[in-house]
C-alpha cells in the first residue's frame, strides 16, 4: 500500500521558525521564546543558546513572520522556513 500526499493550492504551507543566532541579549531572546512557546525561562534560555534551533514547528506563515519579527526585535537573528512536503 502506498501513501500519497497532495498539496492543494488553497492550503497554507506550514512554516518553521529557526533561531540562527541569539545575539548579545540572550535573556531578552529567551523571554521572547518563552512567550512564543510556553516553555519555562530556563528551557527557553537553553534553546536560545543551542542555536541554530527550531523554535516553532508547522505554524501558519503569518504567525511565523510575527515570531521572527519579535525575535529580531529582541536582538536575535531568525528566519522562517517552508516545511518540505511530507514523504520527501
Protein backbone atom coordinates (compact mmCIF):
# COMPACT_ATOMS: atom_id res chain seq x y z
CA UNK A 1 0.00 0.00 0.00
CA UNK A 2 1.40 3.36 -0.95
CA UNK A 3 0.64 6.63 0.75
CA UNK A 4 0.24 9.68 -1.43
CA UNK A 5 0.16 13.28 -0.27
CA UNK A 6 -1.47 16.10 -2.15
CA UNK A 7 -0.91 19.78 -1.52
CA UNK A 8 -3.87 21.84 -2.59
CA UNK A 9 -3.27 25.33 -3.91
CA UNK A 10 -5.50 26.81 -1.23
CA UNK A 11 -3.67 25.01 1.60
CA UNK A 12 -1.44 27.14 3.78
CA UNK A 13 2.05 25.66 3.73
CA UNK A 14 3.32 25.30 7.31
CA UNK A 15 6.46 27.19 8.28
CA UNK A 16 9.16 26.65 10.88
CA UNK A 17 10.77 29.48 12.84
CA UNK A 18 14.52 28.94 13.14
CA UNK A 19 16.72 30.88 15.54
CA UNK A 20 20.10 31.20 13.83
CA UNK A 21 21.92 33.41 16.37
CA UNK A 22 20.70 34.67 19.77
CA UNK A 23 22.91 37.75 19.66
CA UNK A 24 24.26 39.51 22.73
CA UNK A 25 20.96 39.77 24.63
CA UNK A 26 20.31 36.07 25.28
CA UNK A 27 17.94 36.68 28.22
CA UNK A 28 15.76 39.01 26.14
CA UNK A 29 15.64 36.42 23.37
CA UNK A 30 14.84 33.69 25.91
CA UNK A 31 11.90 35.76 27.19
CA UNK A 32 10.54 36.07 23.65
CA UNK A 33 10.96 32.32 23.12
CA UNK A 34 9.11 31.76 26.39
CA UNK A 35 6.19 33.91 25.20
CA UNK A 36 6.09 32.15 21.84
CA UNK A 37 6.38 28.55 23.05
CA UNK A 38 5.17 28.47 26.64
CA UNK A 39 8.42 26.88 27.80
CA UNK A 40 9.95 27.82 31.12
CA UNK A 41 12.51 30.62 31.13
CA UNK A 42 15.30 28.14 31.86
CA UNK A 43 14.36 25.87 28.93
CA UNK A 44 13.92 28.91 26.69
CA UNK A 45 17.45 30.06 27.55
CA UNK A 46 18.82 26.59 26.82
CA UNK A 47 17.04 26.60 23.45
CA UNK A 48 18.41 30.07 22.67
CA UNK A 49 21.98 29.02 23.41
CA UNK A 50 21.69 25.92 21.19
CA UNK A 51 21.30 27.97 18.01
CA UNK A 52 20.62 27.13 15.26
CA UNK A 53 17.41 25.76 16.73
CA UNK A 54 13.82 25.39 15.59
CA UNK A 55 11.65 27.49 17.89
CA UNK A 56 8.24 26.82 16.32
CA UNK A 57 7.20 23.91 14.07
CA UNK A 58 4.49 23.96 11.44
CA UNK A 59 2.85 27.31 12.12
CA UNK A 60 0.98 29.44 9.57
CA UNK A 61 3.06 31.94 7.61
CA UNK A 62 1.59 34.98 9.40
CA UNK A 63 2.46 33.56 12.82
CA UNK A 64 5.95 32.64 11.66
CA UNK A 65 6.62 36.14 10.33
CA UNK A 66 5.37 37.68 13.59
CA UNK A 67 7.59 35.35 15.65
CA UNK A 68 10.66 36.17 13.54
CA UNK A 69 9.93 39.88 13.95
CA UNK A 70 9.67 39.51 17.74
CA UNK A 71 12.95 37.59 17.90
CA UNK A 72 14.72 40.16 15.74
CA UNK A 73 13.39 42.98 17.92
CA UNK A 74 15.00 41.22 20.89
CA UNK A 75 18.37 41.21 19.12
CA UNK A 76 18.41 37.73 17.63
CA UNK A 77 18.79 36.53 14.08
CA UNK A 78 15.93 34.31 12.98
CA UNK A 79 14.27 33.15 9.79
CA UNK A 80 11.21 31.30 8.54
CA UNK A 81 11.50 28.16 6.50
CA UNK A 82 8.78 26.49 4.50
CA UNK A 83 8.25 22.94 5.56
CA UNK A 84 9.03 20.37 2.94
CA UNK A 85 6.26 18.21 1.61
CA UNK A 86 5.52 15.03 3.58
CA UNK A 87 7.38 12.00 2.33
CA UNK A 88 10.23 13.90 0.69
